[in-house]
Amino acid sequence: MSPGVTVLGRSPTCHVTLDDPLVSREHAQLTVRGHRVTVEDLGSRNGTLVNGEKLTGVHELRDGDRVRLGTQELVFYHLDDSERGTGRATGFMTRCAACGVPYPAEAGTCPNCGSDHRVEDDTVSGVVGAGDQNWTLQLLIEVLQRAEAVNRSEDIERLLERARANIEGRLAAHHHVAPEHLDAVALSASRLACRLAESRWARWALDVFAAANRLPPETVSSELASLPSESLGELKASLDRILAEVTEGSAERRQALSRLAAGLGE
């Protein structure tokens, strides 16, 4: 970390932005002075925990301390100058093969369970890794589902925009998008479309399935059926395209989608 103050929070103006609805806009700050690093809560709504205890005042961090903001947990590691010189570039994280928790690649073992087994070729850079977009999407989905649980429409739409960019970028580059990830994002998009009573996110959900040559799950078709009739009618072109072009999919998924399309004429 660089000397000085680093502010963490949900606001894009923070030094480190955390996409978590349980994190306040300016949640906490880290201060680096020499070899001393402290953390301080900035009056956040849900507080900051250090090693499971609610933070009051300023706390000096020790090697291995775990700092939790909302649902995000950061693990603090102190590296000697010699370790910095011989280790990997700072800021890289890996994922534990035993429990799935991400942690700094410089650490020898997982701080959560103690395992030294890592997921192969699954290194991420920074808070959300740019090198592994599947891992990025998984993290986005987790935060997105938490935002849905507390009904924060603004956060849901912002997270969907990021998930959309991730998925569209991978499809354009002919990279794999895990079916469970696509299903989860499309379901969230469909729910938002119904909440807003407009078709934009619903059309995107159908179009991205067509681009991936997959049929949406029955849960997505059922959700879209509750759209207002005018918004539902705007899905005709997307429904026609996906039913005509997609060759993959179970009979149940195709039947659910066909029922949705048939309802447009009623």
C-alpha atoms as a PDB file:
ATOM      1  CA  MET A   1       0.000   0.000   0.000  1.00  0.00           C
ATOM      2  CA  SER A   2       1.107   3.553  -0.696  1.00  0.00           C
ATOM      3  CA  PRO A   3       1.784   5.980   2.181  1.00  0.00           C
ATOM      4  CA  GLY A   4      -1.133   8.214   3.123  1.00  0.00           C
ATOM      5  CA  VAL A   5      -4.891   7.721   3.427  1.00  0.00           C
ATOM      6  CA  THR A   6      -6.934   5.226   1.387  1.00  0.00           C
ATOM      7  CA  VAL A   7     -10.719   5.611   1.620  1.00  0.00           C
ATOM      8  CA  LEU A   8     -12.881   2.521   1.036  1.00  0.00           C
ATOM      9  CA  GLY A   9     -16.599   2.685   0.270  1.00  0.00           C
ATOM     10  CA  ARG A  10     -19.384   2.389  -2.263  1.00  0.00           C
ATOM     11  CA  SER A  11     -18.860   5.828  -3.812  1.00  0.00           C
ATOM     12  CA  PRO A  12     -16.947   5.935  -7.122  1.00  0.00           C
ATOM     13  CA  THR A  13     -14.917   8.797  -5.643  1.00  0.00           C
ATOM     14  CA  CYS A  14     -13.319   6.463  -3.071  1.00  0.00           C
ATOM     15  CA  HIS A  15      -9.802   5.168  -3.627  1.00  0.00           C
ATOM     16  CA  VAL A  16     -11.189   1.616  -3.432  1.00  0.00           C
ATOM     17  CA  THR A  17     -14.802   1.164  -4.542  1.00  0.00           C
ATOM     18  CA  LEU A  18     -16.738  -1.842  -3.199  1.00  0.00           C
ATOM     19  CA  ASP A  19     -19.923  -2.814  -5.025  1.00  0.00           C
ATOM     20  CA  ASP A  20     -21.828  -3.971  -1.974  1.00  0.00           C
ATOM     21  CA  PRO A  21     -25.179  -2.490  -0.867  1.00  0.00           C
ATOM     22  CA  LEU A  22     -24.212  -3.023   2.773  1.00  0.00           C
ATOM     23  CA  VAL A  23     -21.162  -0.787   2.392  1.00  0.00           C
ATOM     24  CA  SER A  24     -21.632   2.946   2.997  1.00  0.00           C
ATOM     25  CA  ARG A  25     -20.576   5.509   0.389  1.00  0.00           C
ATOM     26  CA  GLU A  26     -17.497   6.376   2.478  1.00  0.00           C
ATOM     27  CA  HIS A  27     -17.200   3.454   4.849  1.00  0.00           C
ATOM     28  CA  ALA A  28     -13.680   3.277   6.299  1.00  0.00           C
ATOM     29  CA  GLN A  29     -10.159   4.502   5.740  1.00  0.00           C
ATOM     30  CA  LEU A  30      -6.712   2.930   5.889  1.00  0.00           C
ATOM     31  CA  THR A  31      -3.782   5.131   6.848  1.00  0.00           C
ATOM     32  CA  VAL A  32      -0.175   4.181   6.100  1.00  0.00           C
ATOM     33  CA  ARG A  33       2.592   5.997   7.986  1.00  0.00           C
ATOM     34  CA  GLY A  34       5.971   4.332   7.750  1.00  0.00           C
ATOM     35  CA  HIS A  35       5.561   0.672   8.745  1.00  0.00           C
ATOM     36  CA  ARG A  36       2.328   1.407  10.650  1.00  0.00           C
ATOM     37  CA  VAL A  37      -1.090   0.816   9.035  1.00  0.00           C
ATOM     38  CA  THR A  38      -4.323   1.780  10.814  1.00  0.00           C
ATOM     39  CA  VAL A  39      -8.001   1.359   9.970  1.00  0.00           C
ATOM     40  CA  GLU A  40     -10.802   3.672  11.068  1.00  0.00           C
ATOM     41  CA  ASP A  41     -14.557   3.529  10.500  1.00  0.00           C
ATOM     42  CA  LEU A  42     -16.004   6.710   8.947  1.00  0.00           C
ATOM     43  CA  GLY A  43     -19.408   6.561  10.635  1.00  0.00           C
ATOM     44  CA  SER A  44     -20.716   3.829   8.337  1.00  0.00           C
ATOM     45  CA  ARG A  45     -24.263   2.538   8.628  1.00  0.00           C
ATOM     46  CA  ASN A  46     -23.297  -1.087   9.323  1.00  0.00           C
ATOM     47  CA  GLY A  47     -19.923  -0.566  10.978  1.00  0.00           C
ATOM     48  CA  THR A  48     -16.517  -2.114  10.340  1.00  0.00           C
ATOM     49  CA  LEU A  49     -15.349  -5.374  11.911  1.00  0.00           C
ATOM     50  CA  VAL A  50     -11.751  -6.326  12.649  1.00  0.00           C
ATOM     51  CA  ASN A  51     -11.302 -10.024  13.389  1.00  0.00           C
ATOM     52  CA  GLY A  52     -15.031 -10.263  14.086  1.00  0.00           C
ATOM     53  CA  GLU A  53     -15.119  -7.367  16.567  1.00  0.00           C
ATOM     54  CA  LYS A  54     -16.843  -4.053  15.833  1.00  0.00           C
ATOM     55  CA  LEU A  55     -14.287  -1.313  15.328  1.00  0.00           C
ATOM     56  CA  THR A  56     -14.310   1.721  17.622  1.00  0.00           C
ATOM     57  CA  GLY A  57     -11.735   4.430  17.141  1.00  0.00           C
ATOM     58  CA  VAL A  58      -8.477   3.787  15.300  1.00  0.00           C
ATOM     59  CA  HIS A  59      -7.059   0.258  15.133  1.00  0.00           C
ATOM     60  CA  GLU A  60      -3.501  -0.626  14.145  1.00  0.00           C
ATOM     61  CA  LEU A  61      -3.506  -3.600  11.778  1.00  0.00           C
ATOM     62  CA  ARG A  62      -1.330  -6.645  12.371  1.00  0.00           C
ATOM     63  CA  ASP A  63      -0.274  -9.316   9.905  1.00  0.00           C
ATOM     64  CA  GLY A  64      -3.254 -11.591   9.176  1.00  0.00           C
ATOM     65  CA  ASP A  65      -5.948  -9.221  10.526  1.00  0.00           C
ATOM     66  CA  ARG A  66      -9.301  -9.590   8.784  1.00  0.00           C
ATOM     67  CA  VAL A  67     -11.271  -6.396   8.084  1.00  0.00           C
ATOM     68  CA  ARG A  68     -14.953  -6.737   7.096  1.00  0.00           C
ATOM     69  CA  LEU A  69     -16.973  -3.975   5.396  1.00  0.00           C
ATOM     70  CA  GLY A  70     -20.519  -5.086   4.632  1.00  0.00           C
ATOM     71  CA  THR A  71     -20.111  -8.547   3.138  1.00  0.00           C
ATOM     72  CA  GLN A  72     -16.577  -7.872   1.901  1.00  0.00           C
ATOM     73  CA  GLU A  73     -13.640  -9.212   3.891  1.00  0.00           C
ATOM     74  CA  LEU A  74     -10.110  -7.915   3.381  1.00  0.00           C
ATOM     75  CA  VAL A  75      -7.080  -9.719   4.818  1.00  0.00           C
ATOM     76  CA  PHE A  76      -4.094  -7.572   5.789  1.00  0.00           C
ATOM     77  CA  TYR A  77      -0.611  -8.925   5.128  1.00  0.00           C
ATOM     78  CA  HIS A  78       2.643  -7.232   6.061  1.00  0.00           C
ATOM     79  CA  LEU A  79       5.445  -7.980   3.606  1.00  0.00           C
ATOM     80  CA  ASP A  80       9.100  -7.299   4.256  1.00  0.00           C
ATOM     81  CA  ASP A  81      11.101  -5.514   1.575  1.00  0.00           C
ATOM     82  CA  SER A  82      12.845  -8.805   0.752  1.00  0.00           C
ATOM     83  CA  GLU A  83       9.494 -10.506   0.207  1.00  0.00           C
ATOM     84  CA  ARG A  84       8.377  -7.712  -2.100  1.00  0.00           C
ATOM     85  CA  GLY A  85      11.503  -8.092  -4.187  1.00  0.00           C
ATOM     86  CA  THR A  86      11.191 -11.840  -4.753  1.00  0.00           C
ATOM     87  CA  GLY A  87       7.447 -12.353  -4.706  1.00  0.00           C
ATOM     88  CA  ARG A  88       4.809 -11.817  -7.323  1.00  0.00           C
ATOM     89  CA  ALA A  89       3.583  -8.329  -8.171  1.00  0.00           C
ATOM     90  CA  THR A  90       1.581  -6.892  -5.300  1.00  0.00           C
ATOM     91  CA  GLY A  91      -2.175  -6.703  -5.677  1.00  0.00           C
ATOM     92  CA  PHE A  92      -2.601 -10.230  -7.063  1.00  0.00           C
ATOM     93  CA  MET A  93      -4.956 -12.613  -5.365  1.00  0.00           C
ATOM     94  CA  THR A  94      -5.614 -16.309  -5.709  1.00  0.00           C
ATOM     95  CA  ARG A  95      -8.506 -18.528  -4.618  1.00  0.00           C
ATOM     96  CA  CYS A  96      -8.404 -21.329  -2.073  1.00  0.00           C
ATOM     97  CA  ALA A  97      -9.255 -24.711  -3.599  1.00  0.00           C
ATOM     98  CA  ALA A  98     -10.620 -25.950  -0.262  1.00  0.00           C
ATOM     99  CA  CYS A  99     -13.036 -23.194   0.790  1.00  0.00           C
ATOM    100  CA  GLY A 100     -13.148 -20.826  -2.217  1.00  0.00           C
ATOM    101  CA  VAL A 101     -12.037 -17.707  -0.315  1.00  0.00           C
ATOM    102  CA  PRO A 102      -9.805 -15.281  -2.293  1.00  0.00           C
ATOM    103  CA  TYR A 103      -6.555 -14.215  -0.639  1.00  0.00           C
ATOM    104  CA  PRO A 104      -3.240 -12.546  -1.602  1.00  0.00           C
ATOM    105  CA  ALA A 105      -1.061 -14.761  -3.753  1.00  0.00           C
ATOM    106  CA  GLU A 106       1.960 -13.766  -1.656  1.00  0.00           C
ATOM    107  CA  ALA A 107       0.498 -15.619   1.357  1.00  0.00           C
ATOM    108  CA  GLY A 108       1.544 -19.221   1.778  1.00  0.00           C
ATOM    109  CA  THR A 109      -1.795 -20.534   3.040  1.00  0.00           C
ATOM    110  CA  CYS A 110      -5.476 -19.557   3.053  1.00  0.00           C
ATOM    111  CA  PRO A 111      -6.235 -17.250   6.019  1.00  0.00           C
ATOM    112  CA  ASN A 112      -9.729 -18.737   6.302  1.00  0.00           C
ATOM    113  CA  CYS A 113      -9.081 -22.490   6.490  1.00  0.00           C
ATOM    114  CA  GLY A 114      -5.291 -22.851   6.455  1.00  0.00           C
ATOM    115  CA  SER A 115      -5.151 -24.882   3.243  1.00  0.00           C
ATOM    116  CA  ASP A 116      -2.212 -24.348   0.878  1.00  0.00           C
ATOM    117  CA  HIS A 117      -4.099 -25.698  -2.156  1.00  0.00           C
ATOM    118  CA  ARG A 118      -4.974 -23.052  -4.739  1.00  0.00           C
ATOM    119  CA  VAL A 119      -7.280 -23.101  -7.738  1.00  0.00           C
ATOM    120  CA  GLU A 120      -5.047 -23.423 -10.787  1.00  0.00           C
ATOM    121  CA  ASP A 121      -4.906 -20.447 -13.184  1.00  0.00           C
ATOM    122  CA  ASP A 122      -7.364 -18.478 -11.071  1.00  0.00           C
ATOM    123  CA  THR A 123      -5.420 -15.367 -10.111  1.00  0.00           C
ATOM    124  CA  VAL A 124      -7.165 -12.043  -9.728  1.00  0.00           C
ATOM    125  CA  SER A 125      -5.679  -8.550  -9.559  1.00  0.00           C
ATOM    126  CA  GLY A 126      -6.870  -5.936  -7.087  1.00  0.00           C
ATOM    127  CA  VAL A 127     -10.228  -6.204  -5.312  1.00  0.00           C
ATOM    128  CA  VAL A 128     -11.899  -7.749  -8.353  1.00  0.00           C
ATOM    129  CA  GLY A 129      -9.529  -9.415 -10.756  1.00  0.00           C
ATOM    130  CA  ALA A 130      -9.200  -8.174 -14.289  1.00  0.00           C
ATOM    131  CA  GLY A 131      -7.377 -11.320 -15.350  1.00  0.00           C
ATOM    132  CA  ASP A 132     -10.160 -13.782 -14.661  1.00  0.00           C
ATOM    133  CA  GLN A 133     -13.521 -12.482 -15.793  1.00  0.00           C
ATOM    134  CA  ASN A 134     -15.405 -15.595 -14.643  1.00  0.00           C
ATOM    135  CA  TRP A 135     -14.267 -14.888 -11.086  1.00  0.00           C
ATOM    136  CA  THR A 136     -15.230 -11.243 -11.519  1.00  0.00           C
ATOM    137  CA  LEU A 137     -18.700 -12.253 -12.686  1.00  0.00           C
ATOM    138  CA  GLN A 138     -19.134 -14.643  -9.784  1.00  0.00           C
ATOM    139  CA  LEU A 139     -18.348 -11.857  -7.319  1.00  0.00           C
ATOM    140  CA  LEU A 140     -20.696  -9.465  -9.138  1.00  0.00           C
ATOM    141  CA  ILE A 141     -23.517 -12.014  -8.943  1.00  0.00           C
ATOM    142  CA  GLU A 142     -23.014 -12.496  -5.202  1.00  0.00           C
ATOM    143  CA  VAL A 143     -23.213  -8.743  -4.556  1.00  0.00           C
ATOM    144  CA  LEU A 144     -26.123  -8.408  -6.998  1.00  0.00           C
ATOM    145  CA  GLN A 145     -28.141 -11.004  -5.126  1.00  0.00           C
ATOM    146  CA  ARG A 146     -27.478  -9.218  -1.836  1.00  0.00           C
ATOM    147  CA  ALA A 147     -28.682  -5.958  -3.386  1.00  0.00           C
ATOM    148  CA  GLU A 148     -31.876  -7.725  -4.476  1.00  0.00           C
ATOM    149  CA  ALA A 149     -32.385  -9.076  -0.969  1.00  0.00           C
ATOM    150  CA  VAL A 150     -32.517  -5.522   0.423  1.00  0.00           C
ATOM    151  CA  ASN A 151     -34.429  -4.186  -2.609  1.00  0.00           C
ATOM    152  CA  ARG A 152     -31.943  -1.515  -3.727  1.00  0.00           C
ATOM    153  CA  SER A 153     -33.021  -0.905  -7.329  1.00  0.00           C
ATOM    154  CA  GLU A 154     -30.299   1.671  -8.020  1.00  0.00           C
ATOM    155  CA  ASP A 155     -27.565  -0.718  -6.891  1.00  0.00           C
ATOM    156  CA  ILE A 156     -29.167  -3.620  -8.763  1.00  0.00           C
ATOM    157  CA  GLU A 157     -29.150  -1.716 -12.053  1.00  0.00           C
ATOM    158  CA  ARG A 158     -25.563  -0.519 -11.602  1.00  0.00           C
ATOM    159  CA  LEU A 159     -24.385  -4.064 -10.874  1.00  0.00           C
ATOM    160  CA  LEU A 160     -26.354  -5.424 -13.830  1.00  0.00           C
ATOM    161  CA  GLU A 161     -24.612  -2.931 -16.103  1.00  0.00           C
ATOM    162  CA  ARG A 162     -21.257  -4.274 -14.964  1.00  0.00           C
ATOM    163  CA  ALA A 163     -22.374  -7.885 -15.328  1.00  0.00           C
ATOM    164  CA  ARG A 164     -23.738  -7.121 -18.798  1.00  0.00           C
ATOM    165  CA  ALA A 165     -20.432  -5.619 -19.904  1.00  0.00           C
ATOM    166  CA  ASN A 166     -18.608  -8.663 -18.560  1.00  0.00           C
ATOM    167  CA  ILE A 167     -20.860 -11.168 -20.341  1.00  0.00           C
ATOM    168  CA  GLU A 168     -21.026  -9.284 -23.634  1.00  0.00           C
ATOM    169  CA  GLY A 169     -17.253  -8.860 -23.639  1.00  0.00           C
ATOM    170  CA  ARG A 170     -16.675 -12.576 -23.123  1.00  0.00           C
ATOM    171  CA  LEU A 171     -19.176 -13.568 -25.786  1.00  0.00           C
ATOM    172  CA  ALA A 172     -17.670 -11.110 -28.271  1.00  0.00           C
ATOM    173  CA  ALA A 173     -14.241 -12.647 -27.622  1.00  0.00           C
ATOM    174  CA  HIS A 174     -15.708 -16.177 -27.976  1.00  0.00           C
ATOM    175  CA  HIS A 175     -14.905 -16.969 -24.354  1.00  0.00           C
ATOM    176  CA  HIS A 176     -16.958 -19.288 -22.179  1.00  0.00           C
ATOM    177  CA  VAL A 177     -19.681 -17.933 -19.886  1.00  0.00           C
ATOM    178  CA  ALA A 178     -20.724 -20.439 -17.241  1.00  0.00           C
ATOM    179  CA  PRO A 179     -24.405 -21.424 -17.726  1.00  0.00           C
ATOM    180  CA  GLU A 180     -25.162 -20.869 -14.041  1.00  0.00           C
ATOM    181  CA  HIS A 181     -23.733 -17.351 -14.245  1.00  0.00           C
ATOM    182  CA  LEU A 182     -25.764 -16.497 -17.331  1.00  0.00           C
ATOM    183  CA  ASP A 183     -28.940 -17.897 -15.749  1.00  0.00           C
ATOM    184  CA  ALA A 184     -28.402 -15.946 -12.525  1.00  0.00           C
ATOM    185  CA  VAL A 185     -27.744 -12.605 -14.240  1.00  0.00           C
ATOM    186  CA  ALA A 186     -30.675 -13.063 -16.643  1.00  0.00           C
ATOM    187  CA  LEU A 187     -33.023 -13.846 -13.757  1.00  0.00           C
ATOM    188  CA  SER A 188     -31.921 -10.685 -11.930  1.00  0.00           C
ATOM    189  CA  ALA A 189     -32.391  -8.684 -15.146  1.00  0.00           C
ATOM    190  CA  SER A 190     -35.886 -10.128 -15.591  1.00  0.00           C
ATOM    191  CA  ARG A 191     -36.832  -9.272 -12.027  1.00  0.00           C
ATOM    192  CA  LEU A 192     -35.631  -5.706 -12.486  1.00  0.00           C
ATOM    193  CA  ALA A 193     -37.607  -5.412 -15.735  1.00  0.00           C
ATOM    194  CA  CYS A 194     -40.745  -6.431 -13.867  1.00  0.00           C
ATOM    195  CA  ARG A 195     -39.972  -4.100 -10.974  1.00  0.00           C
ATOM    196  CA  LEU A 196     -39.518  -1.170 -13.372  1.00  0.00           C
ATOM    197  CA  ALA A 197     -42.408  -2.323 -15.593  1.00  0.00           C
ATOM    198  CA  GLU A 198     -40.327  -1.858 -18.731  1.00  0.00           C
ATOM    199  CA  SER A 199     -38.828  -4.178 -21.303  1.00  0.00           C
ATOM    200  CA  ARG A 200     -35.207  -3.001 -21.640  1.00  0.00           C
ATOM    201  CA  TRP A 201     -33.603  -5.512 -19.287  1.00  0.00           C
ATOM    202  CA  ALA A 202     -35.982  -8.240 -20.396  1.00  0.00           C
ATOM    203  CA  ARG A 203     -34.936  -7.777 -24.041  1.00  0.00           C
ATOM    204  CA  TRP A 204     -31.291  -7.889 -23.048  1.00  0.00           C
ATOM    205  CA  ALA A 205     -31.796 -11.121 -21.105  1.00  0.00           C
ATOM    206  CA  LEU A 206     -33.380 -12.817 -24.126  1.00  0.00           C
ATOM    207  CA  ASP A 207     -30.870 -11.402 -26.611  1.00  0.00           C
ATOM    208  CA  VAL A 208     -27.847 -12.504 -24.592  1.00  0.00           C
ATOM    209  CA  PHE A 209     -29.214 -16.058 -24.427  1.00  0.00           C
ATOM    210  CA  ALA A 210     -29.622 -16.002 -28.204  1.00  0.00           C
ATOM    211  CA  ALA A 211     -26.030 -14.803 -28.582  1.00  0.00           C
ATOM    212  CA  ALA A 212     -24.862 -17.639 -26.334  1.00  0.00           C
ATOM    213  CA  ASN A 213     -27.003 -20.175 -28.252  1.00  0.00           C
ATOM    214  CA  ARG A 214     -28.874 -21.146 -25.090  1.00  0.00           C
ATOM    215  CA  LEU A 215     -32.463 -21.080 -23.939  1.00  0.00           C
ATOM    216  CA  PRO A 216     -33.288 -19.228 -20.711  1.00  0.00           C
ATOM    217  CA  PRO A 217     -34.367 -21.243 -17.670  1.00  0.00           C
ATOM    218  CA  GLU A 218     -38.052 -21.606 -16.917  1.00  0.00           C
ATOM    219  CA  THR A 219     -37.677 -19.174 -13.994  1.00  0.00           C
ATOM    220  CA  VAL A 220     -36.785 -16.379 -16.439  1.00  0.00           C
ATOM    221  CA  SER A 221     -39.767 -17.148 -18.702  1.00  0.00           C
ATOM    222  CA  SER A 222     -42.091 -17.230 -15.692  1.00  0.00           C
ATOM    223  CA  GLU A 223     -40.739 -13.915 -14.410  1.00  0.00           C
ATOM    224  CA  LEU A 224     -41.145 -12.219 -17.799  1.00  0.00           C
ATOM    225  CA  ALA A 225     -44.745 -13.392 -18.028  1.00  0.00           C
ATOM    226  CA  SER A 226     -45.619 -10.923 -15.247  1.00  0.00           C
ATOM    227  CA  LEU A 227     -44.537  -7.906 -17.304  1.00  0.00           C
ATOM    228  CA  PRO A 228     -47.272  -5.418 -18.289  1.00  0.00           C
ATOM    229  CA  SER A 229     -48.844  -6.368 -21.627  1.00  0.00           C
ATOM    230  CA  GLU A 230     -47.354  -3.366 -23.433  1.00  0.00           C
ATOM    231  CA  SER A 231     -43.818  -4.189 -22.244  1.00  0.00           C
ATOM    232  CA  LEU A 232     -44.344  -7.867 -22.955  1.00  0.00           C
ATOM    233  CA  GLY A 233     -45.339  -7.047 -26.519  1.00  0.00           C
ATOM    234  CA  GLU A 234     -41.984  -5.338 -27.029  1.00  0.00           C
ATOM    235  CA  LEU A 235     -40.287  -8.714 -26.537  1.00  0.00           C
ATOM    236  CA  LYS A 236     -41.770 -10.285 -29.689  1.00  0.00           C
ATOM    237  CA  ALA A 237     -38.709  -9.824 -31.909  1.00  0.00           C
ATOM    238  CA  SER A 238     -36.366 -11.186 -29.237  1.00  0.00           C
ATOM    239  CA  LEU A 239     -38.631 -14.165 -28.551  1.00  0.00           C
ATOM    240  CA  ASP A 240     -38.970 -14.960 -32.256  1.00  0.00           C
ATOM    241  CA  ARG A 241     -35.203 -14.785 -32.687  1.00  0.00           C
ATOM    242  CA  ILE A 242     -34.310 -17.042 -29.780  1.00  0.00           C
ATOM    243  CA  LEU A 243     -36.921 -19.679 -30.675  1.00  0.00           C
ATOM    244  CA  ALA A 244     -35.814 -19.717 -34.309  1.00  0.00           C
ATOM    245  CA  GLU A 245     -32.040 -19.589 -33.866  1.00  0.00           C
ATOM    246  CA  VAL A 246     -31.169 -21.423 -30.662  1.00  0.00           C
ATOM    247  CA  THR A 247     -30.571 -25.140 -31.121  1.00  0.00           C
ATOM    248  CA  GLU A 248     -29.523 -25.946 -27.545  1.00  0.00           C
ATOM    249  CA  GLY A 249     -31.884 -26.448 -24.644  1.00  0.00           C
ATOM    250  CA  SER A 250     -34.194 -28.827 -22.889  1.00  0.00           C
ATOM    251  CA  ALA A 251     -37.765 -29.423 -24.007  1.00  0.00           C
ATOM    252  CA  GLU A 252     -38.991 -27.868 -20.751  1.00  0.00           C
ATOM    253  CA  ARG A 253     -37.108 -24.601 -21.383  1.00  0.00           C
ATOM    254  CA  ARG A 254     -38.379 -24.406 -24.966  1.00  0.00           C
ATOM    255  CA  GLN A 255     -41.968 -25.102 -23.889  1.00  0.00           C
ATOM    256  CA  ALA A 256     -41.843 -22.373 -21.213  1.00  0.00           C
ATOM    257  CA  LEU A 257     -40.509 -19.879 -23.740  1.00  0.00           C
ATOM    258  CA  SER A 258     -43.092 -20.940 -26.358  1.00  0.00           C
ATOM    259  CA  ARG A 259     -45.886 -20.375 -23.842  1.00  0.00           C
ATOM    260  CA  LEU A 260     -44.540 -16.888 -23.194  1.00  0.00           C
ATOM    261  CA  ALA A 261     -44.453 -16.156 -26.935  1.00  0.00           C
ATOM    262  CA  ALA A 262     -47.942 -17.557 -27.428  1.00  0.00           C
ATOM    263  CA  GLY A 263     -49.258 -15.210 -24.753  1.00  0.00           C
ATOM    264  CA  LEU A 264     -48.335 -12.187 -26.858  1.00  0.00           C
ATOM    265  CA  GLY A 265     -51.225 -12.876 -29.179  1.00  0.00           C
ATOM    266  CA  GLU A 266     -53.832 -13.209 -26.460  1.00  0.00           C
END
